Amino acid sequence: MSIALADAAICYDRINHAIIAIISLCLGVWGGSITTMLRAIQLMKFYLCTGWGESSWCIGGDVMRILHGLCQGNGAAPAGWLDLSYFLVTIYKNLGYGTKLESPITKVWLNVMGVLYVDDTDLYIMDECIRSEYNLWQETQGAITSWGKLLLATGGALKPEKKPEKLFLLHGGLRVAR
């Protein structure tokens, strides 16, 4: 088993509007609501406000250079990220990644890909058939690469600067620190 940290970088700010609009339509959100919210974000003017006052220049507000993302503080941003995450997880699992775990309480088998908490993602890579640490490493790298490509396809990216202090590989019942 391995657990890979594959966090998304500034998740709300990188969502592509075409992708989130399609996902919202698929989930039954009225098109007028989607257009109103996304158009406001695309044409919004952003000023820098500090203790010395508000800047005289801004970014945004240009129809030829629209901005994407859902913006921090937008009430719809958490729901939008949740909707996008649902589709990312579904596609990731359809690519053959994830693992099956038996619930210790209900004894029901669960098909999981890992744990997501907003933009923090831990991918679980487990398989009884993995024969060596090298094979486990290959499977882990494939999982991280696939998750990263899914994020890229929606306007996102992996957060490369967050590195674990130690990587623990479970092989043959032994816990090996790397």
N, C-alpha and C. Protein backbone atom coordinates (compact mmCIF):
# COMPACT_ATOMS: atom_id res chain seq x y z
N MET A 1 0.84 -1.18 0.00
CA MET A 1 0.00 0.00 0.00
C MET A 1 0.88 1.24 0.00
N SER A 2 0.41 2.26 -0.67
CA SER A 2 1.03 3.58 -0.54
C SER A 2 -0.08 4.62 -0.49
N ILE A 3 0.23 5.72 0.12
CA ILE A 3 -0.68 6.86 0.17
C ILE A 3 0.07 8.04 -0.42
N ALA A 4 -0.48 8.60 -1.49
CA ALA A 4 0.19 9.69 -2.20
C ALA A 4 -0.53 11.00 -1.92
N LEU A 5 0.23 12.02 -1.52
CA LEU A 5 -0.32 13.35 -1.33
C LEU A 5 -0.36 14.03 -2.69
N ALA A 6 -1.57 14.35 -3.16
CA ALA A 6 -1.74 14.93 -4.50
C ALA A 6 -2.69 16.12 -4.40
N ASP A 7 -2.27 17.13 -3.67
CA ASP A 7 -3.12 18.29 -3.42
C ASP A 7 -3.25 19.18 -4.65
N ALA A 8 -4.41 19.80 -4.78
CA ALA A 8 -4.65 20.73 -5.88
C ALA A 8 -4.16 22.13 -5.46
N ALA A 9 -3.57 22.84 -6.40
CA ALA A 9 -3.08 24.20 -6.15
C ALA A 9 -4.22 25.20 -6.36
N ILE A 10 -4.42 26.07 -5.39
CA ILE A 10 -5.45 27.13 -5.43
C ILE A 10 -6.70 26.71 -6.21
N CYS A 11 -7.37 25.70 -5.66
CA CYS A 11 -8.43 25.02 -6.40
C CYS A 11 -9.55 25.93 -6.88
N TYR A 12 -10.09 26.80 -6.05
CA TYR A 12 -11.22 27.65 -6.46
C TYR A 12 -10.81 28.63 -7.57
N ASP A 13 -9.57 29.06 -7.54
CA ASP A 13 -9.12 30.10 -8.47
C ASP A 13 -8.75 29.56 -9.85
N ARG A 14 -8.69 28.24 -10.02
CA ARG A 14 -8.21 27.68 -11.28
C ARG A 14 -9.27 26.94 -12.08
N ILE A 15 -10.51 26.94 -11.61
CA ILE A 15 -11.57 26.19 -12.30
C ILE A 15 -11.90 26.86 -13.62
N ASN A 16 -11.85 26.09 -14.69
CA ASN A 16 -12.19 26.60 -16.02
C ASN A 16 -13.71 26.76 -16.11
N HIS A 17 -14.17 27.91 -16.58
CA HIS A 17 -15.60 28.20 -16.61
C HIS A 17 -16.38 27.31 -17.56
N ALA A 18 -15.79 26.91 -18.68
CA ALA A 18 -16.51 26.03 -19.61
C ALA A 18 -16.77 24.68 -18.94
N ILE A 19 -15.78 24.16 -18.23
CA ILE A 19 -15.93 22.87 -17.55
C ILE A 19 -16.99 22.95 -16.46
N ILE A 20 -16.93 23.96 -15.60
CA ILE A 20 -17.88 24.05 -14.50
C ILE A 20 -19.29 24.33 -15.02
N ALA A 21 -19.41 25.04 -16.13
CA ALA A 21 -20.73 25.29 -16.72
C ALA A 21 -21.34 23.98 -17.22
N ILE A 22 -20.55 23.16 -17.90
CA ILE A 22 -21.04 21.88 -18.40
C ILE A 22 -21.43 20.96 -17.24
N ILE A 23 -20.59 20.90 -16.23
CA ILE A 23 -20.89 20.07 -15.06
C ILE A 23 -22.17 20.55 -14.38
N SER A 24 -22.31 21.85 -14.20
CA SER A 24 -23.51 22.40 -13.56
C SER A 24 -24.76 22.09 -14.36
N LEU A 25 -24.68 22.21 -15.68
CA LEU A 25 -25.82 21.86 -16.54
C LEU A 25 -26.17 20.38 -16.40
N CYS A 26 -25.14 19.52 -16.35
CA CYS A 26 -25.38 18.08 -16.19
C CYS A 26 -26.10 17.77 -14.88
N LEU A 27 -25.84 18.57 -13.87
CA LEU A 27 -26.44 18.35 -12.56
C LEU A 27 -27.77 19.07 -12.39
N GLY A 28 -28.25 19.73 -13.46
CA GLY A 28 -29.58 20.32 -13.43
C GLY A 28 -29.66 21.77 -12.98
N VAL A 29 -28.54 22.47 -12.90
CA VAL A 29 -28.56 23.89 -12.53
C VAL A 29 -29.08 24.69 -13.72
N TRP A 30 -29.95 25.63 -13.44
CA TRP A 30 -30.53 26.46 -14.49
C TRP A 30 -29.45 27.26 -15.19
N GLY A 31 -29.46 27.27 -16.53
CA GLY A 31 -28.44 27.93 -17.34
C GLY A 31 -28.29 29.41 -17.05
N GLY A 32 -29.40 30.10 -16.76
CA GLY A 32 -29.33 31.53 -16.45
C GLY A 32 -28.54 31.82 -15.20
N SER A 33 -28.65 30.96 -14.20
CA SER A 33 -27.88 31.13 -12.96
C SER A 33 -26.39 30.97 -13.22
N ILE A 34 -26.05 29.98 -14.02
CA ILE A 34 -24.65 29.72 -14.34
C ILE A 34 -24.06 30.91 -15.10
N THR A 35 -24.77 31.36 -16.11
CA THR A 35 -24.30 32.48 -16.94
C THR A 35 -24.13 33.74 -16.10
N THR A 36 -25.08 34.03 -15.24
CA THR A 36 -25.01 35.24 -14.41
C THR A 36 -23.79 35.22 -13.51
N MET A 37 -23.56 34.10 -12.83
CA MET A 37 -22.42 34.02 -11.91
C MET A 37 -21.10 34.09 -12.66
N LEU A 38 -20.96 33.29 -13.72
CA LEU A 38 -19.68 33.23 -14.43
C LEU A 38 -19.38 34.53 -15.16
N ARG A 39 -20.38 35.18 -15.74
CA ARG A 39 -20.16 36.46 -16.43
C ARG A 39 -19.68 37.52 -15.44
N ALA A 40 -20.28 37.54 -14.25
CA ALA A 40 -19.86 38.50 -13.23
C ALA A 40 -18.39 38.30 -12.84
N ILE A 41 -17.98 37.04 -12.68
CA ILE A 41 -16.59 36.74 -12.34
C ILE A 41 -15.66 37.11 -13.49
N GLN A 42 -16.07 36.79 -14.72
CA GLN A 42 -15.22 37.03 -15.88
C GLN A 42 -14.96 38.51 -16.11
N LEU A 43 -15.90 39.36 -15.78
CA LEU A 43 -15.75 40.80 -16.05
C LEU A 43 -15.50 41.63 -14.79
N MET A 44 -15.31 40.97 -13.66
CA MET A 44 -15.07 41.67 -12.40
C MET A 44 -13.73 42.40 -12.44
N LYS A 45 -13.67 43.56 -11.79
CA LYS A 45 -12.41 44.29 -11.65
C LYS A 45 -11.89 44.07 -10.24
N PHE A 46 -10.61 43.70 -10.15
CA PHE A 46 -9.99 43.40 -8.87
C PHE A 46 -8.98 44.48 -8.53
N TYR A 47 -9.16 45.12 -7.37
CA TYR A 47 -8.26 46.16 -6.87
C TYR A 47 -7.54 45.62 -5.64
N LEU A 48 -6.33 46.09 -5.41
CA LEU A 48 -5.57 45.72 -4.24
C LEU A 48 -5.87 46.73 -3.14
N CYS A 49 -6.27 46.22 -1.98
CA CYS A 49 -6.59 47.10 -0.86
C CYS A 49 -5.65 46.78 0.29
N THR A 50 -4.90 47.78 0.76
CA THR A 50 -3.94 47.58 1.85
C THR A 50 -4.21 48.61 2.94
N GLY A 51 -3.37 48.62 3.95
CA GLY A 51 -3.47 49.60 5.02
C GLY A 51 -3.23 51.02 4.54
N TRP A 52 -2.58 51.18 3.38
CA TRP A 52 -2.30 52.50 2.82
C TRP A 52 -3.40 52.96 1.86
N GLY A 53 -4.41 52.13 1.66
CA GLY A 53 -5.50 52.51 0.78
C GLY A 53 -5.68 51.54 -0.38
N GLU A 54 -6.58 51.90 -1.28
CA GLU A 54 -6.89 51.07 -2.44
C GLU A 54 -6.05 51.49 -3.63
N SER A 55 -5.59 50.50 -4.40
CA SER A 55 -4.75 50.81 -5.56
C SER A 55 -5.58 51.54 -6.62
N SER A 56 -4.89 52.30 -7.44
CA SER A 56 -5.57 53.04 -8.51
C SER A 56 -5.71 52.19 -9.77
N TRP A 57 -5.00 51.08 -9.87
CA TRP A 57 -5.09 50.20 -11.02
C TRP A 57 -5.76 48.89 -10.62
N CYS A 58 -6.25 48.18 -11.60
CA CYS A 58 -6.94 46.92 -11.32
C CYS A 58 -6.60 45.90 -12.40
N ILE A 59 -6.97 44.65 -12.12
CA ILE A 59 -6.91 43.62 -13.15
C ILE A 59 -8.34 43.16 -13.39
N GLY A 60 -8.59 42.65 -14.58
CA GLY A 60 -9.93 42.18 -14.91
C GLY A 60 -10.75 43.26 -15.58
N GLY A 61 -12.00 42.93 -15.86
CA GLY A 61 -12.92 43.87 -16.48
C GLY A 61 -12.75 44.00 -17.98
N ASP A 62 -11.93 43.15 -18.59
CA ASP A 62 -11.66 43.23 -20.03
C ASP A 62 -12.31 42.04 -20.72
N VAL A 63 -13.24 42.30 -21.62
CA VAL A 63 -13.97 41.25 -22.34
C VAL A 63 -13.04 40.37 -23.16
N MET A 64 -11.91 40.87 -23.58
CA MET A 64 -10.97 40.10 -24.39
C MET A 64 -10.01 39.26 -23.53
N ARG A 65 -9.99 39.51 -22.22
CA ARG A 65 -9.11 38.76 -21.33
C ARG A 65 -9.89 38.36 -20.08
N ILE A 66 -10.84 37.46 -20.25
CA ILE A 66 -11.69 37.10 -19.13
C ILE A 66 -10.93 36.29 -18.09
N LEU A 67 -11.37 36.39 -16.86
CA LEU A 67 -10.78 35.67 -15.75
C LEU A 67 -11.59 34.40 -15.46
N HIS A 68 -10.93 33.37 -14.98
CA HIS A 68 -11.60 32.12 -14.63
C HIS A 68 -11.51 31.91 -13.14
N GLY A 69 -12.02 30.79 -12.67
CA GLY A 69 -12.04 30.48 -11.25
C GLY A 69 -13.42 30.82 -10.68
N LEU A 70 -13.63 30.42 -9.44
CA LEU A 70 -14.92 30.71 -8.79
C LEU A 70 -14.80 31.74 -7.68
N CYS A 71 -13.60 32.17 -7.37
CA CYS A 71 -13.32 33.23 -6.40
C CYS A 71 -13.55 32.78 -4.96
N GLN A 72 -12.59 33.09 -4.11
CA GLN A 72 -12.75 32.88 -2.68
C GLN A 72 -13.85 33.81 -2.18
N GLY A 73 -14.71 33.32 -1.32
CA GLY A 73 -15.80 34.14 -0.80
C GLY A 73 -17.09 34.00 -1.57
N ASN A 74 -17.04 33.40 -2.75
CA ASN A 74 -18.24 33.16 -3.53
C ASN A 74 -19.00 32.02 -2.85
N GLY A 75 -20.27 32.25 -2.53
CA GLY A 75 -21.07 31.23 -1.86
C GLY A 75 -21.25 29.96 -2.66
N ALA A 76 -21.14 30.06 -3.98
CA ALA A 76 -21.30 28.89 -4.84
C ALA A 76 -19.99 28.15 -5.08
N ALA A 77 -18.85 28.71 -4.67
CA ALA A 77 -17.56 28.08 -4.93
C ALA A 77 -17.40 26.71 -4.27
N PRO A 78 -17.76 26.55 -2.99
CA PRO A 78 -17.63 25.21 -2.39
C PRO A 78 -18.48 24.15 -3.10
N ALA A 79 -19.71 24.51 -3.46
CA ALA A 79 -20.57 23.56 -4.18
C ALA A 79 -20.01 23.27 -5.56
N GLY A 80 -19.48 24.27 -6.23
CA GLY A 80 -18.87 24.07 -7.55
C GLY A 80 -17.67 23.14 -7.48
N TRP A 81 -16.81 23.34 -6.46
CA TRP A 81 -15.65 22.48 -6.30
C TRP A 81 -16.08 21.05 -5.96
N LEU A 82 -17.13 20.91 -5.15
CA LEU A 82 -17.65 19.58 -4.82
C LEU A 82 -18.16 18.88 -6.08
N ASP A 83 -18.91 19.60 -6.91
CA ASP A 83 -19.42 19.02 -8.16
C ASP A 83 -18.27 18.59 -9.07
N LEU A 84 -17.28 19.45 -9.21
CA LEU A 84 -16.12 19.13 -10.05
C LEU A 84 -15.37 17.92 -9.48
N SER A 85 -15.18 17.90 -8.16
CA SER A 85 -14.48 16.78 -7.52
C SER A 85 -15.20 15.46 -7.74
N TYR A 86 -16.53 15.51 -7.69
CA TYR A 86 -17.31 14.29 -7.93
C TYR A 86 -16.98 13.71 -9.31
N PHE A 87 -16.94 14.55 -10.32
CA PHE A 87 -16.64 14.08 -11.67
C PHE A 87 -15.18 13.61 -11.78
N LEU A 88 -14.26 14.33 -11.14
CA LEU A 88 -12.85 13.92 -11.17
C LEU A 88 -12.66 12.55 -10.54
N VAL A 89 -13.29 12.32 -9.39
CA VAL A 89 -13.17 11.03 -8.69
C VAL A 89 -13.78 9.92 -9.54
N THR A 90 -14.94 10.18 -10.13
CA THR A 90 -15.60 9.18 -10.96
C THR A 90 -14.73 8.79 -12.16
N ILE A 91 -14.15 9.77 -12.83
CA ILE A 91 -13.28 9.49 -13.98
C ILE A 91 -12.02 8.75 -13.53
N TYR A 92 -11.43 9.19 -12.42
CA TYR A 92 -10.23 8.55 -11.87
C TYR A 92 -10.48 7.07 -11.59
N LYS A 93 -11.61 6.78 -10.98
CA LYS A 93 -11.95 5.39 -10.67
C LYS A 93 -12.25 4.60 -11.95
N ASN A 94 -12.86 5.24 -12.94
CA ASN A 94 -13.13 4.57 -14.22
C ASN A 94 -11.84 4.26 -14.98
N LEU A 95 -10.77 5.00 -14.69
CA LEU A 95 -9.47 4.73 -15.30
C LEU A 95 -8.79 3.52 -14.66
N GLY A 96 -9.41 2.98 -13.61
CA GLY A 96 -8.88 1.78 -12.96
C GLY A 96 -8.10 2.06 -11.70
N TYR A 97 -8.08 3.28 -11.24
CA TYR A 97 -7.35 3.60 -10.01
C TYR A 97 -8.29 3.53 -8.82
N GLY A 98 -7.71 3.55 -7.65
CA GLY A 98 -8.48 3.40 -6.44
C GLY A 98 -8.29 1.99 -5.91
N THR A 99 -9.02 1.67 -4.86
CA THR A 99 -8.87 0.36 -4.25
C THR A 99 -10.18 -0.05 -3.60
N LYS A 100 -10.27 -1.29 -3.25
CA LYS A 100 -11.44 -1.80 -2.54
C LYS A 100 -11.03 -2.07 -1.10
N LEU A 101 -11.81 -1.55 -0.17
CA LEU A 101 -11.57 -1.73 1.25
C LEU A 101 -12.82 -2.32 1.88
N GLU A 102 -12.63 -3.20 2.84
CA GLU A 102 -13.77 -3.74 3.57
C GLU A 102 -13.99 -2.92 4.83
N SER A 103 -15.21 -2.43 5.00
CA SER A 103 -15.54 -1.66 6.19
C SER A 103 -15.43 -2.57 7.42
N PRO A 104 -14.67 -2.15 8.43
CA PRO A 104 -14.51 -3.01 9.60
C PRO A 104 -15.81 -3.15 10.41
N ILE A 105 -16.75 -2.23 10.24
CA ILE A 105 -17.99 -2.28 11.01
C ILE A 105 -19.08 -3.04 10.27
N THR A 106 -19.34 -2.64 9.02
CA THR A 106 -20.46 -3.24 8.27
C THR A 106 -20.04 -4.43 7.43
N LYS A 107 -18.73 -4.63 7.23
CA LYS A 107 -18.20 -5.69 6.37
C LYS A 107 -18.58 -5.51 4.90
N VAL A 108 -19.01 -4.31 4.53
CA VAL A 108 -19.35 -3.98 3.14
C VAL A 108 -18.06 -3.57 2.43
N TRP A 109 -17.90 -4.02 1.17
CA TRP A 109 -16.73 -3.63 0.39
C TRP A 109 -16.97 -2.26 -0.22
N LEU A 110 -16.02 -1.34 -0.05
CA LEU A 110 -16.12 0.03 -0.54
C LEU A 110 -15.10 0.24 -1.65
N ASN A 111 -15.51 0.88 -2.71
CA ASN A 111 -14.61 1.21 -3.82
C ASN A 111 -14.18 2.67 -3.60
N VAL A 112 -12.98 2.87 -3.08
CA VAL A 112 -12.51 4.22 -2.73
C VAL A 112 -11.28 4.59 -3.54
N MET A 113 -11.08 5.89 -3.70
CA MET A 113 -9.88 6.36 -4.39
C MET A 113 -8.91 7.02 -3.43
N GLY A 114 -9.40 7.36 -2.27
CA GLY A 114 -8.59 8.05 -1.27
C GLY A 114 -9.47 8.95 -0.45
N VAL A 115 -8.88 10.05 0.00
CA VAL A 115 -9.60 11.01 0.83
C VAL A 115 -9.40 12.40 0.25
N LEU A 116 -10.50 13.13 0.10
CA LEU A 116 -10.44 14.52 -0.34
C LEU A 116 -10.99 15.41 0.77
N TYR A 117 -10.29 16.47 1.09
CA TYR A 117 -10.78 17.51 1.97
C TYR A 117 -10.49 18.83 1.26
N VAL A 118 -11.50 19.35 0.60
CA VAL A 118 -11.41 20.50 -0.29
C VAL A 118 -10.32 20.21 -1.32
N ASP A 119 -9.17 20.90 -1.25
CA ASP A 119 -8.13 20.69 -2.26
C ASP A 119 -7.04 19.72 -1.81
N ASP A 120 -7.12 19.24 -0.57
CA ASP A 120 -6.14 18.27 -0.07
C ASP A 120 -6.59 16.87 -0.45
N THR A 121 -5.73 16.14 -1.14
CA THR A 121 -6.08 14.81 -1.64
C THR A 121 -5.02 13.79 -1.24
N ASP A 122 -5.47 12.69 -0.69
CA ASP A 122 -4.61 11.54 -0.42
C ASP A 122 -5.12 10.39 -1.28
N LEU A 123 -4.29 9.94 -2.21
CA LEU A 123 -4.66 8.84 -3.09
C LEU A 123 -4.20 7.52 -2.46
N TYR A 124 -5.10 6.55 -2.42
CA TYR A 124 -4.76 5.23 -1.87
C TYR A 124 -4.41 4.29 -3.02
N ILE A 125 -3.26 3.65 -2.90
CA ILE A 125 -2.84 2.67 -3.88
C ILE A 125 -2.60 1.36 -3.12
N MET A 126 -3.48 0.39 -3.35
CA MET A 126 -3.39 -0.90 -2.67
C MET A 126 -3.72 -2.00 -3.67
N ASP A 127 -2.97 -3.08 -3.59
CA ASP A 127 -3.26 -4.23 -4.44
C ASP A 127 -2.52 -5.44 -3.86
N GLU A 128 -3.23 -6.53 -3.71
CA GLU A 128 -2.60 -7.75 -3.21
C GLU A 128 -1.63 -8.34 -4.21
N CYS A 129 -1.77 -7.98 -5.48
CA CYS A 129 -0.95 -8.58 -6.53
C CYS A 129 0.34 -7.83 -6.81
N ILE A 130 0.58 -6.71 -6.15
CA ILE A 130 1.83 -5.98 -6.38
C ILE A 130 2.98 -6.81 -5.81
N ARG A 131 3.97 -7.07 -6.64
CA ARG A 131 5.01 -8.03 -6.28
C ARG A 131 6.24 -7.40 -5.63
N SER A 132 6.48 -6.12 -5.87
CA SER A 132 7.69 -5.52 -5.32
C SER A 132 7.45 -4.04 -5.01
N GLU A 133 8.40 -3.47 -4.30
CA GLU A 133 8.31 -2.04 -4.01
C GLU A 133 8.39 -1.23 -5.30
N TYR A 134 9.15 -1.70 -6.26
CA TYR A 134 9.25 -1.00 -7.55
C TYR A 134 7.88 -0.97 -8.25
N ASN A 135 7.17 -2.10 -8.25
CA ASN A 135 5.84 -2.15 -8.86
C ASN A 135 4.87 -1.21 -8.13
N LEU A 136 5.01 -1.16 -6.81
CA LEU A 136 4.17 -0.25 -6.03
C LEU A 136 4.49 1.20 -6.39
N TRP A 137 5.77 1.49 -6.54
CA TRP A 137 6.17 2.85 -6.94
C TRP A 137 5.59 3.19 -8.31
N GLN A 138 5.67 2.25 -9.26
CA GLN A 138 5.12 2.50 -10.60
C GLN A 138 3.62 2.76 -10.54
N GLU A 139 2.90 1.97 -9.78
CA GLU A 139 1.46 2.14 -9.64
C GLU A 139 1.13 3.48 -8.99
N THR A 140 1.91 3.84 -7.99
CA THR A 140 1.71 5.13 -7.30
C THR A 140 1.97 6.29 -8.25
N GLN A 141 3.04 6.22 -9.01
CA GLN A 141 3.36 7.29 -9.96
C GLN A 141 2.27 7.40 -11.02
N GLY A 142 1.76 6.28 -11.50
CA GLY A 142 0.68 6.30 -12.47
C GLY A 142 -0.58 6.95 -11.91
N ALA A 143 -0.89 6.66 -10.65
CA ALA A 143 -2.06 7.26 -10.00
C ALA A 143 -1.90 8.77 -9.87
N ILE A 144 -0.73 9.22 -9.43
CA ILE A 144 -0.48 10.66 -9.26
C ILE A 144 -0.53 11.36 -10.62
N THR A 145 0.09 10.76 -11.64
CA THR A 145 0.09 11.35 -12.97
C THR A 145 -1.33 11.48 -13.50
N SER A 146 -2.13 10.44 -13.35
CA SER A 146 -3.51 10.49 -13.84
C SER A 146 -4.33 11.54 -13.10
N TRP A 147 -4.18 11.61 -11.78
CA TRP A 147 -4.92 12.63 -11.01
C TRP A 147 -4.48 14.03 -11.44
N GLY A 148 -3.18 14.22 -11.63
CA GLY A 148 -2.67 15.52 -12.08
C GLY A 148 -3.21 15.91 -13.45
N LYS A 149 -3.29 14.95 -14.36
CA LYS A 149 -3.81 15.24 -15.70
C LYS A 149 -5.30 15.58 -15.65
N LEU A 150 -6.05 14.93 -14.76
CA LEU A 150 -7.46 15.27 -14.60
C LEU A 150 -7.61 16.71 -14.09
N LEU A 151 -6.76 17.08 -13.13
CA LEU A 151 -6.80 18.47 -12.64
C LEU A 151 -6.45 19.45 -13.76
N LEU A 152 -5.42 19.14 -14.55
CA LEU A 152 -5.02 20.01 -15.66
C LEU A 152 -6.14 20.19 -16.67
N ALA A 153 -6.89 19.12 -16.93
CA ALA A 153 -7.97 19.18 -17.92
C ALA A 153 -9.10 20.12 -17.49
N THR A 154 -9.19 20.41 -16.19
CA THR A 154 -10.25 21.28 -15.69
C THR A 154 -9.73 22.67 -15.32
N GLY A 155 -8.47 22.95 -15.65
CA GLY A 155 -7.89 24.24 -15.33
C GLY A 155 -7.03 24.22 -14.08
N GLY A 156 -6.99 23.12 -13.38
CA GLY A 156 -6.25 23.02 -12.13
C GLY A 156 -4.83 22.54 -12.32
N ALA A 157 -4.18 22.26 -11.20
CA ALA A 157 -2.80 21.76 -11.21
C ALA A 157 -2.50 21.14 -9.85
N LEU A 158 -1.52 20.25 -9.84
CA LEU A 158 -1.04 19.70 -8.58
C LEU A 158 -0.20 20.74 -7.85
N LYS A 159 -0.17 20.66 -6.54
CA LYS A 159 0.64 21.55 -5.73
C LYS A 159 1.98 20.84 -5.46
N PRO A 160 3.03 21.16 -6.22
CA PRO A 160 4.28 20.41 -6.10
C PRO A 160 5.09 20.73 -4.85
N GLU A 161 4.89 21.89 -4.26
CA GLU A 161 5.77 22.28 -3.17
C GLU A 161 5.45 21.59 -1.86
N LYS A 162 4.30 20.93 -1.74
CA LYS A 162 3.97 20.23 -0.51
C LYS A 162 4.52 18.82 -0.58
N LYS A 163 5.56 18.55 0.21
CA LYS A 163 6.20 17.24 0.16
C LYS A 163 6.09 16.58 1.54
N PRO A 164 5.82 15.29 1.57
CA PRO A 164 5.76 14.61 2.86
C PRO A 164 7.15 14.49 3.47
N GLU A 165 7.22 14.48 4.80
CA GLU A 165 8.51 14.31 5.46
C GLU A 165 9.05 12.90 5.24
N LYS A 166 8.14 11.93 5.26
CA LYS A 166 8.55 10.55 5.02
C LYS A 166 7.46 9.88 4.19
N LEU A 167 7.87 8.97 3.36
CA LEU A 167 6.94 8.15 2.58
C LEU A 167 6.96 6.76 3.19
N PHE A 168 5.80 6.28 3.58
CA PHE A 168 5.72 4.95 4.16
C PHE A 168 5.13 4.00 3.13
N LEU A 169 5.85 2.96 2.82
CA LEU A 169 5.38 1.91 1.94
C LEU A 169 5.07 0.69 2.80
N LEU A 170 3.93 0.12 2.58
CA LEU A 170 3.58 -1.11 3.28
C LEU A 170 3.74 -2.25 2.28
N HIS A 171 4.70 -3.10 2.55
CA HIS A 171 4.98 -4.21 1.63
C HIS A 171 5.16 -5.48 2.46
N GLY A 172 4.32 -6.43 2.19
CA GLY A 172 4.44 -7.71 2.91
C GLY A 172 4.21 -7.55 4.40
N GLY A 173 3.38 -6.58 4.80
CA GLY A 173 3.09 -6.37 6.21
C GLY A 173 4.13 -5.54 6.93
N LEU A 174 5.21 -5.16 6.27
CA LEU A 174 6.26 -4.36 6.90
C LEU A 174 6.08 -2.89 6.54
N ARG A 175 6.30 -2.03 7.48
CA ARG A 175 6.21 -0.60 7.26
C ARG A 175 7.63 -0.07 7.06
N VAL A 176 7.89 0.44 5.87
CA VAL A 176 9.24 0.88 5.51
C VAL A 176 9.24 2.38 5.32
N ALA A 177 10.05 3.11 6.10
CA ALA A 177 10.16 4.56 5.95
C ALA A 177 11.21 4.87 4.90
N ARG A 178 10.89 5.81 3.99
CA ARG A 178 11.83 6.21 2.95
C ARG A 178 12.20 7.65 3.15
